[in-house]
Protein backbone atom coordinates (compact mmCIF):
# COMPACT_ATOMS: atom_id res chain seq x y z
CA MET A 1 -0.01 0.07 -0.04
CA ASN A 2 2.84 2.39 0.95
CA MET A 3 4.49 1.61 -2.36
CA GLN A 4 1.28 2.58 -4.33
CA GLN A 5 0.94 5.88 -2.51
CA ASN A 6 4.76 6.78 -3.47
CA GLN A 7 3.98 6.12 -7.12
CA GLU A 8 0.87 8.31 -6.90
CA GLN A 9 2.76 11.10 -5.34
CA LEU A 10 5.44 10.89 -8.07
CA ALA A 11 2.79 10.98 -10.77
CA VAL A 12 1.26 14.01 -9.25
CA SER A 13 4.57 15.88 -8.46
CA GLU A 14 5.85 15.54 -12.16
CA THR A 15 5.38 18.89 -13.87
CA PRO A 16 4.90 19.27 -17.61
CA PRO A 17 7.79 20.97 -19.53
CA ASP A 18 7.39 24.65 -19.90
CA LEU A 19 6.48 25.04 -23.56
CA SER A 20 6.30 28.83 -23.68
CA ARG A 21 10.08 29.01 -22.95
CA ALA A 22 10.83 26.62 -25.67
CA ARG A 23 8.65 28.49 -28.18
CA SER A 24 10.37 31.85 -27.23
CA GLN A 25 13.77 30.46 -27.68
CA SER A 26 13.05 28.94 -31.16
CA LYS A 27 11.71 32.35 -32.27
CA SER A 28 14.99 34.21 -31.24
CA ARG A 29 16.94 32.41 -34.02
CA LYS A 30 17.77 34.84 -36.78
CA SER A 31 17.98 33.52 -40.43
CA LYS A 32 21.29 33.73 -42.07
CA ILE A 33 19.84 34.75 -45.32
CA SER A 34 18.11 38.23 -45.53
CA PRO A 35 14.37 38.51 -46.10
CA ALA A 36 14.92 40.61 -49.19
CA LEU A 37 17.08 37.67 -50.72
CA THR A 38 14.63 35.03 -49.79
CA GLY A 39 11.76 37.12 -51.43
CA ALA A 40 13.81 37.44 -54.46
CA ILE A 41 14.47 33.77 -54.64
CA MET A 42 10.78 32.84 -54.10
CA GLY A 43 9.65 35.58 -56.71
CA ALA A 44 12.13 34.24 -59.25
CA ILE A 45 10.88 30.67 -58.76
CA ALA A 46 7.43 31.85 -59.09
CA GLY A 47 8.26 33.97 -62.10
CA ARG A 48 9.66 30.77 -63.66
CA PHE A 49 6.23 29.05 -63.50
CA VAL A 50 3.86 31.88 -64.09
CA PRO A 51 3.47 32.54 -67.81
CA LYS A 52 2.97 36.39 -67.53
CA LEU A 53 6.00 36.79 -65.22
CA SER A 54 9.66 36.50 -65.97
CA PRO A 55 12.03 35.39 -63.27
CA PHE A 56 13.51 38.95 -63.06
CA SER A 57 10.18 40.62 -62.61
CA GLY A 58 9.22 37.96 -60.07
CA ALA A 59 12.48 38.53 -58.13
CA VAL A 60 11.76 42.34 -58.06
CA LEU A 61 8.26 41.70 -56.74
CA GLY A 62 9.56 39.28 -54.13
CA ILE A 63 12.04 41.84 -52.86
CA ILE A 64 9.34 44.54 -52.81
CA SER A 65 6.93 42.30 -50.91
CA SER A 66 9.58 41.12 -48.41
CA LYS A 67 10.44 44.91 -47.61
CA MET A 68 6.71 45.70 -47.11
CA TYR A 69 6.38 42.69 -44.82
CA GLN A 70 9.43 43.81 -42.86
CA LYS A 71 7.76 47.06 -42.33
CA HIS A 72 4.52 45.58 -41.29
CA GLN A 73 6.31 43.53 -38.68
CA THR A 74 8.12 46.30 -37.19
CA ARG A 75 4.98 48.29 -36.71
CA THR A 76 3.08 45.55 -35.01
CA ARG A 77 5.67 45.02 -32.33
């Protein structure tokens, strides 16, 4: 009986891991590639597959949209 009570106490005393700390640490990592470059790459890839868009114009649109997204992120913080 005493052994069963100890097991129940152990089960109750175990605390779940703090997930909020894990999330905040993962968000603090910065990308090695600039957002403008990633926007240019994604835009160029999209421009390759969209018939009305060339890879160059897609890259320009990707850069512009990434800069707009950066400005939006700085305003909301």
